Amino acid sequence: MIQYFNTAPNPLAQQPSRYTPESIAELLARLRPYDLAKGEVIMLFNIRPQTIAQLSIILEDMSSRFPQDQQESILEIVTEVLGHYPVPGQPNGDESKDN
């Protein structure tokens, strides 16, 4: 089970881990004004959306609940606190290019 958590693309596999007690508390505090459901917050932690399209999958009725500026603010908060999740093979990803 532990090996699963330490294997990409699991967000916990990123080293150093972006998930600390402080980062979790900060993310929860900064998202509180948006009145998100518990499941939505958990999915934000797990998926770490990087685009509005990804965010729309996580937040139910996003376009009717949040204007565009708030959608962008939520993405910025997630990125500022947890960072972007690096995609292997992409710039800043986990794999190095040996070509």
N, C-alpha and C. Protein backbone atom coordinates (compact mmCIF):
# COMPACT_ATOMS: atom_id res chain seq x y z
N MET A 1 0.82 -1.19 0.00
CA MET A 1 0.00 0.00 0.00
C MET A 1 0.87 1.26 0.00
N ILE A 2 1.90 1.29 0.80
CA ILE A 2 2.77 2.46 0.86
C ILE A 2 3.41 2.72 -0.50
N GLN A 3 3.78 1.67 -1.21
CA GLN A 3 4.40 1.82 -2.53
C GLN A 3 3.44 2.53 -3.48
N TYR A 4 2.15 2.24 -3.38
CA TYR A 4 1.15 2.90 -4.21
C TYR A 4 1.18 4.41 -4.00
N PHE A 5 1.23 4.84 -2.76
CA PHE A 5 1.22 6.26 -2.46
C PHE A 5 2.48 6.96 -2.95
N ASN A 6 3.56 6.24 -3.08
CA ASN A 6 4.83 6.83 -3.49
C ASN A 6 5.09 6.68 -4.98
N THR A 7 4.09 6.28 -5.76
CA THR A 7 4.24 6.06 -7.19
C THR A 7 3.43 7.09 -7.97
N ALA A 8 4.07 7.72 -8.96
CA ALA A 8 3.36 8.69 -9.81
C ALA A 8 2.26 7.96 -10.56
N PRO A 9 1.14 8.56 -10.84
CA PRO A 9 0.85 9.98 -10.73
C PRO A 9 0.23 10.40 -9.40
N ASN A 10 0.31 9.58 -8.38
CA ASN A 10 -0.23 9.95 -7.08
C ASN A 10 0.44 11.22 -6.61
N PRO A 11 -0.33 12.24 -6.19
CA PRO A 11 0.26 13.50 -5.77
C PRO A 11 1.21 13.36 -4.58
N LEU A 12 1.04 12.31 -3.79
CA LEU A 12 1.94 12.12 -2.65
C LEU A 12 3.32 11.64 -3.08
N ALA A 13 3.46 11.24 -4.34
CA ALA A 13 4.73 10.73 -4.84
C ALA A 13 5.73 11.85 -5.09
N GLN A 14 5.26 13.08 -5.21
CA GLN A 14 6.16 14.20 -5.48
C GLN A 14 7.09 14.42 -4.30
N GLN A 15 8.38 14.54 -4.61
CA GLN A 15 9.37 14.78 -3.56
C GLN A 15 10.07 16.10 -3.84
N PRO A 16 10.21 16.98 -2.90
CA PRO A 16 9.66 16.85 -1.56
C PRO A 16 8.14 17.00 -1.59
N SER A 17 7.49 16.37 -0.66
CA SER A 17 6.04 16.38 -0.62
C SER A 17 5.51 17.78 -0.38
N ARG A 18 4.50 18.16 -1.14
CA ARG A 18 3.85 19.46 -0.96
C ARG A 18 2.74 19.39 0.09
N TYR A 19 2.49 18.18 0.59
CA TYR A 19 1.43 17.97 1.56
C TYR A 19 2.02 17.92 2.95
N THR A 20 1.93 19.03 3.64
CA THR A 20 2.40 19.13 5.02
C THR A 20 1.22 19.60 5.86
N PRO A 21 1.30 19.43 7.16
CA PRO A 21 0.20 19.95 8.00
C PRO A 21 -0.03 21.45 7.77
N GLU A 22 1.05 22.18 7.54
CA GLU A 22 0.92 23.63 7.32
C GLU A 22 0.25 23.94 5.99
N SER A 23 0.64 23.22 4.92
CA SER A 23 0.06 23.50 3.61
C SER A 23 -1.42 23.11 3.57
N ILE A 24 -1.76 22.03 4.24
CA ILE A 24 -3.16 21.60 4.29
C ILE A 24 -4.00 22.64 5.02
N ALA A 25 -3.50 23.11 6.16
CA ALA A 25 -4.22 24.13 6.93
C ALA A 25 -4.35 25.42 6.13
N GLU A 26 -3.28 25.80 5.43
CA GLU A 26 -3.32 27.03 4.64
C GLU A 26 -4.33 26.91 3.50
N LEU A 27 -4.32 25.79 2.80
CA LEU A 27 -5.27 25.62 1.70
C LEU A 27 -6.71 25.66 2.21
N LEU A 28 -6.97 24.97 3.30
CA LEU A 28 -8.32 24.98 3.86
C LEU A 28 -8.75 26.39 4.24
N ALA A 29 -7.86 27.14 4.87
CA ALA A 29 -8.18 28.51 5.29
C ALA A 29 -8.44 29.42 4.09
N ARG A 30 -7.62 29.30 3.06
CA ARG A 30 -7.76 30.18 1.90
C ARG A 30 -8.96 29.82 1.04
N LEU A 31 -9.42 28.58 1.09
CA LEU A 31 -10.59 28.18 0.31
C LEU A 31 -11.91 28.37 1.07
N ARG A 32 -11.83 28.60 2.35
CA ARG A 32 -13.04 28.73 3.19
C ARG A 32 -14.05 29.74 2.64
N PRO A 33 -13.63 30.92 2.15
CA PRO A 33 -14.63 31.89 1.64
C PRO A 33 -15.45 31.39 0.46
N TYR A 34 -15.00 30.34 -0.21
CA TYR A 34 -15.71 29.85 -1.40
C TYR A 34 -16.80 28.84 -1.06
N ASP A 35 -16.91 28.46 0.20
CA ASP A 35 -17.96 27.56 0.66
C ASP A 35 -18.05 26.29 -0.19
N LEU A 36 -16.90 25.63 -0.33
CA LEU A 36 -16.83 24.39 -1.11
C LEU A 36 -17.28 23.21 -0.27
N ALA A 37 -17.84 22.21 -0.92
CA ALA A 37 -18.22 20.97 -0.24
C ALA A 37 -16.95 20.21 0.15
N LYS A 38 -17.07 19.40 1.17
CA LYS A 38 -15.93 18.62 1.65
C LYS A 38 -15.33 17.76 0.54
N GLY A 39 -16.16 17.12 -0.25
CA GLY A 39 -15.69 16.29 -1.36
C GLY A 39 -14.95 17.10 -2.41
N GLU A 40 -15.40 18.34 -2.65
CA GLU A 40 -14.73 19.20 -3.62
C GLU A 40 -13.33 19.56 -3.14
N VAL A 41 -13.21 19.85 -1.86
CA VAL A 41 -11.89 20.19 -1.30
C VAL A 41 -10.95 19.00 -1.38
N ILE A 42 -11.45 17.83 -1.07
CA ILE A 42 -10.62 16.62 -1.14
C ILE A 42 -10.15 16.40 -2.58
N MET A 43 -11.04 16.61 -3.53
CA MET A 43 -10.64 16.44 -4.93
C MET A 43 -9.63 17.50 -5.36
N LEU A 44 -9.73 18.71 -4.83
CA LEU A 44 -8.73 19.73 -5.13
C LEU A 44 -7.36 19.28 -4.64
N PHE A 45 -7.30 18.68 -3.45
CA PHE A 45 -6.04 18.15 -2.92
C PHE A 45 -5.52 17.03 -3.82
N ASN A 46 -6.38 16.13 -4.23
CA ASN A 46 -5.96 14.96 -4.98
C ASN A 46 -5.57 15.27 -6.42
N ILE A 47 -6.31 16.14 -7.07
CA ILE A 47 -6.11 16.38 -8.50
C ILE A 47 -5.18 17.57 -8.77
N ARG A 48 -5.21 18.57 -7.89
CA ARG A 48 -4.42 19.79 -8.08
C ARG A 48 -4.64 20.35 -9.48
N PRO A 49 -5.87 20.81 -9.76
CA PRO A 49 -6.19 21.27 -11.11
C PRO A 49 -5.29 22.43 -11.54
N GLN A 50 -4.99 22.46 -12.83
CA GLN A 50 -4.14 23.50 -13.38
C GLN A 50 -4.86 24.34 -14.42
N THR A 51 -6.08 23.93 -14.79
CA THR A 51 -6.85 24.67 -15.79
C THR A 51 -8.29 24.80 -15.31
N ILE A 52 -8.99 25.75 -15.92
CA ILE A 52 -10.42 25.94 -15.62
C ILE A 52 -11.19 24.67 -15.98
N ALA A 53 -10.82 24.01 -17.07
CA ALA A 53 -11.50 22.78 -17.49
C ALA A 53 -11.37 21.70 -16.41
N GLN A 54 -10.18 21.54 -15.85
CA GLN A 54 -9.99 20.56 -14.78
C GLN A 54 -10.78 20.95 -13.55
N LEU A 55 -10.80 22.23 -13.24
CA LEU A 55 -11.54 22.70 -12.08
C LEU A 55 -13.04 22.44 -12.24
N SER A 56 -13.55 22.59 -13.46
CA SER A 56 -14.99 22.39 -13.69
C SER A 56 -15.41 20.96 -13.44
N ILE A 57 -14.50 20.02 -13.57
CA ILE A 57 -14.80 18.62 -13.28
C ILE A 57 -14.94 18.40 -11.78
N ILE A 58 -14.23 19.19 -11.01
CA ILE A 58 -14.20 19.03 -9.55
C ILE A 58 -15.36 19.76 -8.87
N LEU A 59 -15.64 20.96 -9.32
CA LEU A 59 -16.65 21.80 -8.66
C LEU A 59 -18.00 21.67 -9.34
N GLU A 60 -18.97 21.17 -8.61
CA GLU A 60 -20.31 20.98 -9.15
C GLU A 60 -20.93 22.34 -9.48
N ASP A 61 -21.55 22.43 -10.64
CA ASP A 61 -22.21 23.66 -11.12
C ASP A 61 -21.29 24.88 -11.01
N MET A 62 -20.02 24.68 -11.35
CA MET A 62 -19.02 25.72 -11.15
C MET A 62 -19.40 27.04 -11.81
N SER A 63 -19.83 27.00 -13.07
CA SER A 63 -20.10 28.25 -13.79
C SER A 63 -21.26 29.03 -13.19
N SER A 64 -22.21 28.35 -12.57
CA SER A 64 -23.33 29.07 -11.95
C SER A 64 -23.01 29.50 -10.51
N ARG A 65 -22.06 28.84 -9.88
CA ARG A 65 -21.70 29.17 -8.49
C ARG A 65 -20.60 30.22 -8.38
N PHE A 66 -19.69 30.24 -9.37
CA PHE A 66 -18.53 31.10 -9.26
C PHE A 66 -18.31 31.88 -10.55
N PRO A 67 -18.17 33.21 -10.45
CA PRO A 67 -17.80 33.97 -11.66
C PRO A 67 -16.37 33.63 -12.08
N GLN A 68 -16.00 34.01 -13.27
CA GLN A 68 -14.70 33.67 -13.85
C GLN A 68 -13.54 34.07 -12.93
N ASP A 69 -13.61 35.26 -12.33
CA ASP A 69 -12.50 35.71 -11.48
C ASP A 69 -12.34 34.83 -10.24
N GLN A 70 -13.43 34.33 -9.68
CA GLN A 70 -13.33 33.43 -8.54
C GLN A 70 -12.80 32.06 -8.96
N GLN A 71 -13.16 31.59 -10.14
CA GLN A 71 -12.63 30.32 -10.64
C GLN A 71 -11.10 30.43 -10.76
N GLU A 72 -10.64 31.53 -11.32
CA GLU A 72 -9.20 31.74 -11.47
C GLU A 72 -8.52 31.87 -10.11
N SER A 73 -9.19 32.51 -9.16
CA SER A 73 -8.64 32.65 -7.81
C SER A 73 -8.46 31.30 -7.13
N ILE A 74 -9.43 30.42 -7.29
CA ILE A 74 -9.33 29.08 -6.70
C ILE A 74 -8.13 28.35 -7.29
N LEU A 75 -7.96 28.42 -8.61
CA LEU A 75 -6.80 27.78 -9.25
C LEU A 75 -5.50 28.37 -8.72
N GLU A 76 -5.44 29.68 -8.58
CA GLU A 76 -4.23 30.34 -8.07
C GLU A 76 -3.91 29.89 -6.65
N ILE A 77 -4.93 29.78 -5.82
CA ILE A 77 -4.72 29.34 -4.44
C ILE A 77 -4.14 27.94 -4.41
N VAL A 78 -4.72 27.04 -5.17
CA VAL A 78 -4.24 25.65 -5.20
C VAL A 78 -2.79 25.62 -5.68
N THR A 79 -2.48 26.38 -6.71
CA THR A 79 -1.13 26.40 -7.26
C THR A 79 -0.14 27.02 -6.29
N GLU A 80 -0.53 28.11 -5.65
CA GLU A 80 0.36 28.78 -4.70
C GLU A 80 0.68 27.88 -3.51
N VAL A 81 -0.32 27.18 -3.02
CA VAL A 81 -0.13 26.36 -1.82
C VAL A 81 0.50 25.01 -2.14
N LEU A 82 -0.03 24.32 -3.16
CA LEU A 82 0.43 22.96 -3.45
C LEU A 82 1.36 22.88 -4.66
N GLY A 83 1.44 23.93 -5.46
CA GLY A 83 2.27 23.92 -6.65
C GLY A 83 1.63 23.12 -7.77
N HIS A 84 2.26 23.17 -8.94
CA HIS A 84 1.80 22.38 -10.07
C HIS A 84 2.29 20.96 -9.88
N TYR A 85 1.49 20.01 -10.31
CA TYR A 85 1.94 18.62 -10.26
C TYR A 85 2.77 18.37 -11.51
N PRO A 86 4.04 18.02 -11.37
CA PRO A 86 4.88 17.80 -12.55
C PRO A 86 4.47 16.54 -13.30
N VAL A 87 4.39 16.65 -14.61
CA VAL A 87 4.02 15.52 -15.46
C VAL A 87 5.30 14.91 -16.01
N PRO A 88 5.53 13.60 -15.77
CA PRO A 88 6.74 12.97 -16.30
C PRO A 88 6.85 13.17 -17.80
N GLY A 89 8.06 13.50 -18.26
CA GLY A 89 8.28 13.71 -19.68
C GLY A 89 8.04 15.14 -20.13
N GLN A 90 7.43 15.95 -19.28
CA GLN A 90 7.18 17.35 -19.58
C GLN A 90 8.25 18.20 -18.88
N PRO A 91 8.45 19.45 -19.32
CA PRO A 91 9.39 20.32 -18.62
C PRO A 91 9.04 20.39 -17.13
N ASN A 92 10.04 20.30 -16.28
CA ASN A 92 9.88 20.29 -14.82
C ASN A 92 9.21 19.02 -14.32
N GLY A 93 9.15 17.97 -15.16
CA GLY A 93 8.57 16.69 -14.75
C GLY A 93 9.59 15.84 -14.04
N ASP A 94 9.21 14.64 -13.67
CA ASP A 94 10.06 13.76 -12.91
C ASP A 94 11.14 13.07 -13.73
N GLU A 95 10.89 12.86 -15.03
CA GLU A 95 11.83 12.11 -15.84
C GLU A 95 12.87 13.04 -16.46
N SER A 96 14.09 12.60 -16.53
CA SER A 96 15.11 13.37 -17.23
C SER A 96 15.20 12.87 -18.66
N LYS A 97 15.59 13.77 -19.55
CA LYS A 97 15.70 13.39 -20.96
C LYS A 97 17.15 13.02 -21.23
N ASP A 98 17.36 11.85 -21.79
CA ASP A 98 18.71 11.35 -22.03
C ASP A 98 19.09 11.43 -23.50
N ASN A 99 18.42 12.27 -24.29
CA ASN A 99 18.72 12.36 -25.72
C ASN A 99 19.79 13.37 -26.00
